[in-house]
Amino acid sequence: MSRSSELAAAKRICKSFDAPLGVVEALAEHEDAEFRAVAEAHLARRAAEEQRLIAMSAYERWLQERGTTLICGIDEAGRGPLAGPVVAAAVILPLDCRIWQLDDSKKLSEKVRLQLEEQIKQKAIAWAVAGVNHEKIDEINILQAALLAMRRAVNKLTVQPQHLLIDALEIPHIGIPQTGLVHGDAVSVSIAAASILAKNHRDRIMQKFDAMYPAYGYAGHKGYPTAKHRQAVRECGPSPIQRLSFTGKEQ
């Protein structure tokens, strides 16, 4: 293998946070400075990612130090759209679980979200998703529907959590200690994991609705109030999954 091919292979290996440390350490001692630079860049990036995940685990560690081991992150997707359901996810991760690139779903590409979803479901102690449809949203308002979806997701878990970490909200009538965290999906690994499951699950639902009602473009905007969505409603009228009482503002 030529030097250029070997260097390209080293760069491919070091693109992944899961690159074998033995291989990276060997590259760090390579006689060629360019190989060493590739390894050193990987180690610096990995160290920064470790620190980021440690910072995002601060609330989980605080609870663990006080004897709470089954910590459930909860988040929702779909409070802002003008059509379709609101979906919530609940995730209990093992203590000190590490999932590289885990973050607020809004910061991630679809490709990364789908990859992380697989890891979350594989590594989680328990996870569940639940939704509330557009008709119920119209009946009880979007905030109450989001809380209902969260409660349903918790109730679907196969393991009873000891504490809930929730993005910005607190769930009434749940009977489990809970903490609402502002921007929780950016500061808690548990909530971030839930945000990814909720987002991916709702996106798949909206893709199915797109096939049923193609004039509305749901696969693209997922029901959010884009110019294209509003134009489709003006031209075609409300779709069968339209939130007829919802204007896009919190109620």
C-alpha atoms as a PDB file:
ATOM      1  CA  MET A   1       0.000   0.000   0.000  1.00  0.00           C
ATOM      2  CA  SER A   2       1.334   3.440  -0.895  1.00  0.00           C
ATOM      3  CA  ARG A   3       1.919   6.144   1.701  1.00  0.00           C
ATOM      4  CA  SER A   4      -1.021   8.173   0.381  1.00  0.00           C
ATOM      5  CA  SER A   5      -3.328   5.150   0.661  1.00  0.00           C
ATOM      6  CA  GLU A   6      -2.117   4.432   4.200  1.00  0.00           C
ATOM      7  CA  LEU A   7      -2.625   8.044   5.189  1.00  0.00           C
ATOM      8  CA  ALA A   8      -6.137   8.060   3.713  1.00  0.00           C
ATOM      9  CA  ALA A   9      -6.932   4.874   5.647  1.00  0.00           C
ATOM     10  CA  ALA A  10      -5.612   6.445   8.859  1.00  0.00           C
ATOM     11  CA  LYS A  11      -7.814   9.486   8.327  1.00  0.00           C
ATOM     12  CA  ARG A  12     -10.876   7.275   7.751  1.00  0.00           C
ATOM     13  CA  ILE A  13     -10.197   5.370  10.961  1.00  0.00           C
ATOM     14  CA  CYS A  14      -9.687   8.549  12.960  1.00  0.00           C
ATOM     15  CA  LYS A  15     -12.940  10.111  11.736  1.00  0.00           C
ATOM     16  CA  SER A  16     -14.824   7.881  14.167  1.00  0.00           C
ATOM     17  CA  PHE A  17     -14.885   8.535  17.902  1.00  0.00           C
ATOM     18  CA  ASP A  18     -14.910   4.747  18.272  1.00  0.00           C
ATOM     19  CA  ALA A  19     -11.556   4.332  16.503  1.00  0.00           C
ATOM     20  CA  PRO A  20      -9.542   1.665  18.410  1.00  0.00           C
ATOM     21  CA  LEU A  21      -7.296   3.496  20.857  1.00  0.00           C
ATOM     22  CA  GLY A  22      -4.476   1.040  20.205  1.00  0.00           C
ATOM     23  CA  VAL A  23      -4.490   1.951  16.529  1.00  0.00           C
ATOM     24  CA  VAL A  24      -4.643   5.675  17.270  1.00  0.00           C
ATOM     25  CA  GLU A  25      -1.825   5.440  19.813  1.00  0.00           C
ATOM     26  CA  ALA A  26       0.312   3.592  17.279  1.00  0.00           C
ATOM     27  CA  LEU A  27      -0.356   6.328  14.743  1.00  0.00           C
ATOM     28  CA  ALA A  28       0.619   8.920  17.370  1.00  0.00           C
ATOM     29  CA  GLU A  29       4.084   7.310  17.496  1.00  0.00           C
ATOM     30  CA  HIS A  30       4.465   6.982  13.725  1.00  0.00           C
ATOM     31  CA  GLU A  31       7.729   8.151  12.238  1.00  0.00           C
ATOM     32  CA  ASP A  32       5.834  10.272   9.718  1.00  0.00           C
ATOM     33  CA  ALA A  33       4.715  13.618  11.162  1.00  0.00           C
ATOM     34  CA  GLU A  34       1.541  13.707   9.075  1.00  0.00           C
ATOM     35  CA  PHE A  35       0.359  10.396  10.531  1.00  0.00           C
ATOM     36  CA  ARG A  36       1.115  11.707  14.019  1.00  0.00           C
ATOM     37  CA  ALA A  37      -0.877  14.851  13.298  1.00  0.00           C
ATOM     38  CA  VAL A  38      -3.905  12.785  12.240  1.00  0.00           C
ATOM     39  CA  ALA A  39      -3.765  10.798  15.490  1.00  0.00           C
ATOM     40  CA  GLU A  40      -3.237  13.860  17.662  1.00  0.00           C
ATOM     41  CA  ALA A  41      -6.182  15.648  16.044  1.00  0.00           C
ATOM     42  CA  HIS A  42      -8.372  12.611  16.707  1.00  0.00           C
ATOM     43  CA  LEU A  43      -7.286  12.391  20.368  1.00  0.00           C
ATOM     44  CA  ALA A  44      -7.953  16.112  20.888  1.00  0.00           C
ATOM     45  CA  ARG A  45     -11.393  15.844  19.265  1.00  0.00           C
ATOM     46  CA  ARG A  46     -12.221  12.755  21.338  1.00  0.00           C
ATOM     47  CA  ALA A  47     -11.119  14.471  24.567  1.00  0.00           C
ATOM     48  CA  ALA A  48     -13.282  17.501  23.769  1.00  0.00           C
ATOM     49  CA  GLU A  49     -16.262  15.245  23.052  1.00  0.00           C
ATOM     50  CA  GLU A  50     -15.720  13.383  26.335  1.00  0.00           C
ATOM     51  CA  GLN A  51     -15.743  16.667  28.217  1.00  0.00           C
ATOM     52  CA  ARG A  52     -18.894  17.786  26.436  1.00  0.00           C
ATOM     53  CA  LEU A  53     -20.705  14.568  27.363  1.00  0.00           C
ATOM     54  CA  ILE A  54     -19.469  14.807  30.952  1.00  0.00           C
ATOM     55  CA  ALA A  55     -20.910  18.323  31.155  1.00  0.00           C
ATOM     56  CA  MET A  56     -24.208  17.066  29.717  1.00  0.00           C
ATOM     57  CA  SER A  57     -24.325  14.372  32.400  1.00  0.00           C
ATOM     58  CA  ALA A  58     -24.108  16.764  35.363  1.00  0.00           C
ATOM     59  CA  TYR A  59     -27.753  16.393  36.434  1.00  0.00           C
ATOM     60  CA  GLU A  60     -27.611  12.610  36.055  1.00  0.00           C
ATOM     61  CA  ARG A  61     -24.425  12.434  38.168  1.00  0.00           C
ATOM     62  CA  TRP A  62     -25.965  14.654  40.846  1.00  0.00           C
ATOM     63  CA  LEU A  63     -28.931  12.284  41.129  1.00  0.00           C
ATOM     64  CA  GLN A  64     -26.706   9.181  41.030  1.00  0.00           C
ATOM     65  CA  GLU A  65     -24.594  10.509  43.899  1.00  0.00           C
ATOM     66  CA  ARG A  66     -27.792  10.643  45.938  1.00  0.00           C
ATOM     67  CA  GLY A  67     -28.734   7.051  45.190  1.00  0.00           C
ATOM     68  CA  THR A  68     -31.031   7.521  42.200  1.00  0.00           C
ATOM     69  CA  THR A  69     -30.082   5.054  39.478  1.00  0.00           C
ATOM     70  CA  LEU A  70     -33.100   4.889  37.162  1.00  0.00           C
ATOM     71  CA  ILE A  71     -33.189   8.362  35.651  1.00  0.00           C
ATOM     72  CA  CYS A  72     -35.584   8.985  32.789  1.00  0.00           C
ATOM     73  CA  GLY A  73     -35.153  11.743  30.241  1.00  0.00           C
ATOM     74  CA  ILE A  74     -38.333  13.014  28.572  1.00  0.00           C
ATOM     75  CA  ASP A  75     -38.822  15.300  25.597  1.00  0.00           C
ATOM     76  CA  GLU A  76     -41.391  15.972  22.911  1.00  0.00           C
ATOM     77  CA  ALA A  77     -41.457  16.800  19.227  1.00  0.00           C
ATOM     78  CA  GLY A  78     -44.245  18.610  17.442  1.00  0.00           C
ATOM     79  CA  ARG A  79     -45.478  21.439  19.643  1.00  0.00           C
ATOM     80  CA  GLY A  80     -44.870  23.980  16.899  1.00  0.00           C
ATOM     81  CA  PRO A  81     -46.478  22.408  13.784  1.00  0.00           C
ATOM     82  CA  LEU A  82     -49.893  23.248  12.371  1.00  0.00           C
ATOM     83  CA  ALA A  83     -50.680  19.621  11.560  1.00  0.00           C
ATOM     84  CA  GLY A  84     -50.083  16.107  12.819  1.00  0.00           C
ATOM     85  CA  PRO A  85     -49.492  14.694  16.285  1.00  0.00           C
ATOM     86  CA  VAL A  86     -47.254  15.740  19.125  1.00  0.00           C
ATOM     87  CA  VAL A  87     -44.924  12.892  20.112  1.00  0.00           C
ATOM     88  CA  ALA A  88     -43.021  12.327  23.352  1.00  0.00           C
ATOM     89  CA  ALA A  89     -40.235   9.907  24.223  1.00  0.00           C
ATOM     90  CA  ALA A  90     -38.983   8.616  27.562  1.00  0.00           C
ATOM     91  CA  VAL A  91     -35.508   7.084  27.873  1.00  0.00           C
ATOM     92  CA  ILE A  92     -33.678   5.486  30.798  1.00  0.00           C
ATOM     93  CA  LEU A  93     -29.970   5.195  30.052  1.00  0.00           C
ATOM     94  CA  PRO A  94     -27.541   3.057  32.080  1.00  0.00           C
ATOM     95  CA  LEU A  95     -25.270   4.835  34.532  1.00  0.00           C
ATOM     96  CA  ASP A  96     -22.250   6.360  32.774  1.00  0.00           C
ATOM     97  CA  CYS A  97     -23.606   5.377  29.360  1.00  0.00           C
ATOM     98  CA  ARG A  98     -21.538   6.983  26.601  1.00  0.00           C
ATOM     99  CA  ILE A  99     -23.044   7.691  23.207  1.00  0.00           C
ATOM    100  CA  TRP A 100     -20.746   9.807  21.065  1.00  0.00           C
ATOM    101  CA  GLN A 101     -22.361  12.893  19.465  1.00  0.00           C
ATOM    102  CA  LEU A 102     -25.481  12.623  21.623  1.00  0.00           C
ATOM    103  CA  ASP A 103     -27.024  16.092  21.604  1.00  0.00           C
ATOM    104  CA  ASP A 104     -30.191  18.113  21.173  1.00  0.00           C
ATOM    105  CA  SER A 105     -31.916  16.622  18.121  1.00  0.00           C
ATOM    106  CA  LYS A 106     -32.293  20.089  16.577  1.00  0.00           C
ATOM    107  CA  LYS A 107     -28.507  20.365  16.300  1.00  0.00           C
ATOM    108  CA  LEU A 108     -28.090  17.081  14.428  1.00  0.00           C
ATOM    109  CA  SER A 109     -28.501  16.036  10.810  1.00  0.00           C
ATOM    110  CA  GLU A 110     -31.081  13.400   9.963  1.00  0.00           C
ATOM    111  CA  LYS A 111     -28.310  10.904   9.198  1.00  0.00           C
ATOM    112  CA  VAL A 112     -26.687  11.364  12.617  1.00  0.00           C
ATOM    113  CA  ARG A 113     -30.066  11.303  14.404  1.00  0.00           C
ATOM    114  CA  LEU A 114     -30.915   7.946  12.838  1.00  0.00           C
ATOM    115  CA  GLN A 115     -27.525   6.502  13.764  1.00  0.00           C
ATOM    116  CA  LEU A 116     -27.902   7.721  17.335  1.00  0.00           C
ATOM    117  CA  GLU A 117     -31.437   6.348  17.539  1.00  0.00           C
ATOM    118  CA  GLU A 118     -30.106   2.838  16.949  1.00  0.00           C
ATOM    119  CA  GLN A 119     -27.501   3.233  19.683  1.00  0.00           C
ATOM    120  CA  ILE A 120     -29.974   4.715  22.149  1.00  0.00           C
ATOM    121  CA  LYS A 121     -32.425   1.859  21.668  1.00  0.00           C
ATOM    122  CA  GLN A 122     -29.647  -0.732  21.964  1.00  0.00           C
ATOM    123  CA  LYS A 123     -28.073   0.756  25.095  1.00  0.00           C
ATOM    124  CA  ALA A 124     -31.118   2.044  26.974  1.00  0.00           C
ATOM    125  CA  ILE A 125     -32.441   0.191  30.001  1.00  0.00           C
ATOM    126  CA  ALA A 126     -35.894   1.128  28.737  1.00  0.00           C
ATOM    127  CA  TRP A 127     -37.410   3.502  26.211  1.00  0.00           C
ATOM    128  CA  ALA A 128     -40.873   4.345  24.922  1.00  0.00           C
ATOM    129  CA  VAL A 129     -42.598   6.770  22.590  1.00  0.00           C
ATOM    130  CA  ALA A 130     -46.196   7.937  22.626  1.00  0.00           C
ATOM    131  CA  GLY A 131     -48.261  10.508  20.790  1.00  0.00           C
ATOM    132  CA  VAL A 132     -51.402  12.609  20.897  1.00  0.00           C
ATOM    133  CA  ASN A 133     -53.225  13.188  17.616  1.00  0.00           C
ATOM    134  CA  HIS A 134     -54.408  16.447  16.074  1.00  0.00           C
ATOM    135  CA  GLU A 135     -58.000  15.962  17.222  1.00  0.00           C
ATOM    136  CA  LYS A 136     -56.970  15.684  20.876  1.00  0.00           C
ATOM    137  CA  ILE A 137     -54.672  18.687  20.447  1.00  0.00           C
ATOM    138  CA  ASP A 138     -57.679  20.707  19.252  1.00  0.00           C
ATOM    139  CA  GLU A 139     -59.690  19.461  22.211  1.00  0.00           C
ATOM    140  CA  ILE A 140     -57.262  20.159  25.065  1.00  0.00           C
ATOM    141  CA  ASN A 141     -54.655  22.565  23.503  1.00  0.00           C
ATOM    142  CA  ILE A 142     -51.095  21.880  22.464  1.00  0.00           C
ATOM    143  CA  LEU A 143     -49.412  22.302  25.854  1.00  0.00           C
ATOM    144  CA  GLN A 144     -51.786  19.890  27.580  1.00  0.00           C
ATOM    145  CA  ALA A 145     -51.425  17.478  24.669  1.00  0.00           C
ATOM    146  CA  ALA A 146     -47.619  17.560  24.992  1.00  0.00           C
ATOM    147  CA  LEU A 147     -47.888  16.812  28.710  1.00  0.00           C
ATOM    148  CA  LEU A 148     -50.325  13.978  27.977  1.00  0.00           C
ATOM    149  CA  ALA A 149     -47.930  12.492  25.411  1.00  0.00           C
ATOM    150  CA  MET A 150     -45.122  12.640  27.970  1.00  0.00           C
ATOM    151  CA  ARG A 151     -47.253  10.924  30.605  1.00  0.00           C
ATOM    152  CA  ARG A 152     -48.218   8.219  28.111  1.00  0.00           C
ATOM    153  CA  ALA A 153     -44.562   7.631  27.203  1.00  0.00           C
ATOM    154  CA  VAL A 154     -43.587   7.224  30.868  1.00  0.00           C
ATOM    155  CA  ASN A 155     -46.477   4.842  31.450  1.00  0.00           C
ATOM    156  CA  LYS A 156     -45.334   2.681  28.507  1.00  0.00           C
ATOM    157  CA  LEU A 157     -41.871   2.111  29.980  1.00  0.00           C
ATOM    158  CA  THR A 158     -41.146  -1.470  30.992  1.00  0.00           C
ATOM    159  CA  VAL A 159     -39.025  -0.218  33.916  1.00  0.00           C
ATOM    160  CA  GLN A 160     -40.310   2.215  36.533  1.00  0.00           C
ATOM    161  CA  PRO A 161     -38.048   5.295  36.696  1.00  0.00           C
ATOM    162  CA  GLN A 162     -37.039   6.844  40.003  1.00  0.00           C
ATOM    163  CA  HIS A 163     -36.682  10.395  38.722  1.00  0.00           C
ATOM    164  CA  LEU A 164     -37.745  12.276  35.599  1.00  0.00           C
ATOM    165  CA  LEU A 165     -35.683  14.912  33.814  1.00  0.00           C
ATOM    166  CA  ILE A 166     -37.910  16.893  31.460  1.00  0.00           C
ATOM    167  CA  ASP A 167     -37.225  19.575  28.891  1.00  0.00           C
ATOM    168  CA  ALA A 168     -38.604  22.804  30.428  1.00  0.00           C
ATOM    169  CA  LEU A 169     -41.844  21.277  31.769  1.00  0.00           C
ATOM    170  CA  GLU A 170     -43.170  19.323  34.719  1.00  0.00           C
ATOM    171  CA  ILE A 171     -45.777  16.617  34.204  1.00  0.00           C
ATOM    172  CA  PRO A 172     -48.830  16.877  36.500  1.00  0.00           C
ATOM    173  CA  HIS A 173     -50.330  13.813  38.165  1.00  0.00           C
ATOM    174  CA  ILE A 174     -47.341  11.559  37.402  1.00  0.00           C
ATOM    175  CA  GLY A 175     -46.411  10.447  40.926  1.00  0.00           C
ATOM    176  CA  ILE A 176     -42.644  10.338  40.244  1.00  0.00           C
ATOM    177  CA  PRO A 177     -40.067  12.923  41.410  1.00  0.00           C
ATOM    178  CA  GLN A 178     -39.204  15.189  38.511  1.00  0.00           C
ATOM    179  CA  THR A 179     -37.087  18.136  37.465  1.00  0.00           C
ATOM    180  CA  GLY A 180     -37.840  20.470  34.579  1.00  0.00           C
ATOM    181  CA  LEU A 181     -34.696  21.811  32.930  1.00  0.00           C
ATOM    182  CA  VAL A 182     -34.675  24.858  30.668  1.00  0.00           C
ATOM    183  CA  HIS A 183     -33.097  23.829  27.349  1.00  0.00           C
ATOM    184  CA  GLY A 184     -32.940  20.358  28.827  1.00  0.00           C
ATOM    185  CA  ASP A 185     -32.184  18.668  25.510  1.00  0.00           C
ATOM    186  CA  ALA A 186     -28.914  20.643  25.391  1.00  0.00           C
ATOM    187  CA  VAL A 187     -27.844  20.096  29.016  1.00  0.00           C
ATOM    188  CA  SER A 188     -28.888  16.508  29.799  1.00  0.00           C
ATOM    189  CA  VAL A 189     -27.863  13.339  27.971  1.00  0.00           C
ATOM    190  CA  SER A 190     -31.091  11.640  29.044  1.00  0.00           C
ATOM    191  CA  ILE A 191     -33.295  14.392  27.651  1.00  0.00           C
ATOM    192  CA  ALA A 192     -31.171  14.622  24.504  1.00  0.00           C
ATOM    193  CA  ALA A 193     -31.699  10.897  23.910  1.00  0.00           C
ATOM    194  CA  ALA A 194     -35.446  11.357  24.325  1.00  0.00           C
ATOM    195  CA  SER A 195     -35.441  14.325  21.937  1.00  0.00           C
ATOM    196  CA  ILE A 196     -33.855  12.173  19.223  1.00  0.00           C
ATOM    197  CA  LEU A 197     -36.346   9.323  19.597  1.00  0.00           C
ATOM    198  CA  ALA A 198     -39.301  11.713  19.640  1.00  0.00           C
ATOM    199  CA  LYS A 199     -38.093  13.669  16.617  1.00  0.00           C
ATOM    200  CA  ASN A 200     -37.324  10.583  14.498  1.00  0.00           C
ATOM    201  CA  HIS A 201     -40.593   8.886  15.418  1.00  0.00           C
ATOM    202  CA  ARG A 202     -42.671  11.942  14.545  1.00  0.00           C
ATOM    203  CA  ASP A 203     -40.778  12.475  11.285  1.00  0.00           C
ATOM    204  CA  ARG A 204     -41.654   8.936  10.218  1.00  0.00           C
ATOM    205  CA  ILE A 205     -45.314   9.560  11.012  1.00  0.00           C
ATOM    206  CA  MET A 206     -45.303  12.727   8.918  1.00  0.00           C
ATOM    207  CA  GLN A 207     -43.630  10.914   6.023  1.00  0.00           C
ATOM    208  CA  LYS A 208     -46.529   8.449   6.049  1.00  0.00           C
ATOM    209  CA  PHE A 209     -49.004  11.324   6.047  1.00  0.00           C
ATOM    210  CA  ASP A 210     -47.116  12.815   3.115  1.00  0.00           C
ATOM    211  CA  ALA A 211     -47.873   9.687   1.095  1.00  0.00           C
ATOM    212  CA  MET A 212     -51.541   9.970   2.067  1.00  0.00           C
ATOM    213  CA  TYR A 213     -51.854  13.725   1.451  1.00  0.00           C
ATOM    214  CA  PRO A 214     -49.076  14.619  -1.022  1.00  0.00           C
ATOM    215  CA  ALA A 215     -50.405  18.095  -1.811  1.00  0.00           C
ATOM    216  CA  TYR A 216     -49.276  19.375   1.603  1.00  0.00           C
ATOM    217  CA  GLY A 217     -45.567  18.468   1.452  1.00  0.00           C
ATOM    218  CA  TYR A 218     -45.438  16.919   4.905  1.00  0.00           C
ATOM    219  CA  ALA A 219     -42.256  14.947   4.174  1.00  0.00           C
ATOM    220  CA  GLY A 220     -40.408  18.221   3.809  1.00  0.00           C
ATOM    221  CA  HIS A 221     -41.732  20.573   6.496  1.00  0.00           C
ATOM    222  CA  LYS A 222     -43.222  17.913   8.823  1.00  0.00           C
ATOM    223  CA  GLY A 223     -46.269  20.092   9.446  1.00  0.00           C
ATOM    224  CA  TYR A 224     -44.376  23.145  10.695  1.00  0.00           C
ATOM    225  CA  PRO A 225     -45.727  26.560   9.660  1.00  0.00           C
ATOM    226  CA  THR A 226     -43.526  27.131   6.620  1.00  0.00           C
ATOM    227  CA  ALA A 227     -44.575  29.334   3.721  1.00  0.00           C
ATOM    228  CA  LYS A 228     -45.064  26.214   1.587  1.00  0.00           C
ATOM    229  CA  HIS A 229     -47.307  24.629   4.201  1.00  0.00           C
ATOM    230  CA  ARG A 230     -49.439  27.742   4.627  1.00  0.00           C
ATOM    231  CA  GLN A 231     -49.773  28.103   0.867  1.00  0.00           C
ATOM    232  CA  ALA A 232     -50.922  24.477   0.524  1.00  0.00           C
ATOM    233  CA  VAL A 233     -53.605  25.068   3.161  1.00  0.00           C
ATOM    234  CA  ARG A 234     -54.788  28.215   1.369  1.00  0.00           C
ATOM    235  CA  GLU A 235     -54.980  26.395  -1.961  1.00  0.00           C
ATOM    236  CA  CYS A 236     -56.308  23.002  -0.815  1.00  0.00           C
ATOM    237  CA  GLY A 237     -57.986  23.797   2.470  1.00  0.00           C
ATOM    238  CA  PRO A 238     -57.078  22.154   5.783  1.00  0.00           C
ATOM    239  CA  SER A 239     -55.782  18.622   5.468  1.00  0.00           C
ATOM    240  CA  PRO A 240     -57.424  15.777   7.426  1.00  0.00           C
ATOM    241  CA  ILE A 241     -54.633  16.048  10.037  1.00  0.00           C
ATOM    242  CA  GLN A 242     -54.736  19.849  10.402  1.00  0.00           C
ATOM    243  CA  ARG A 243     -54.839  21.313  13.907  1.00  0.00           C
ATOM    244  CA  LEU A 244     -57.890  23.448  13.296  1.00  0.00           C
ATOM    245  CA  SER A 245     -57.694  25.397  16.557  1.00  0.00           C
ATOM    246  CA  PHE A 246     -53.931  25.835  16.572  1.00  0.00           C
ATOM    247  CA  THR A 247     -52.372  29.084  15.355  1.00  0.00           C
ATOM    248  CA  GLY A 248     -48.735  28.271  16.105  1.00  0.00           C
ATOM    249  CA  LYS A 249     -48.714  30.059  19.484  1.00  0.00           C
ATOM    250  CA  GLU A 250     -48.613  28.382  22.876  1.00  0.00           C
ATOM    251  CA  GLN A 251     -52.004  28.054  24.539  1.00  0.00           C
END
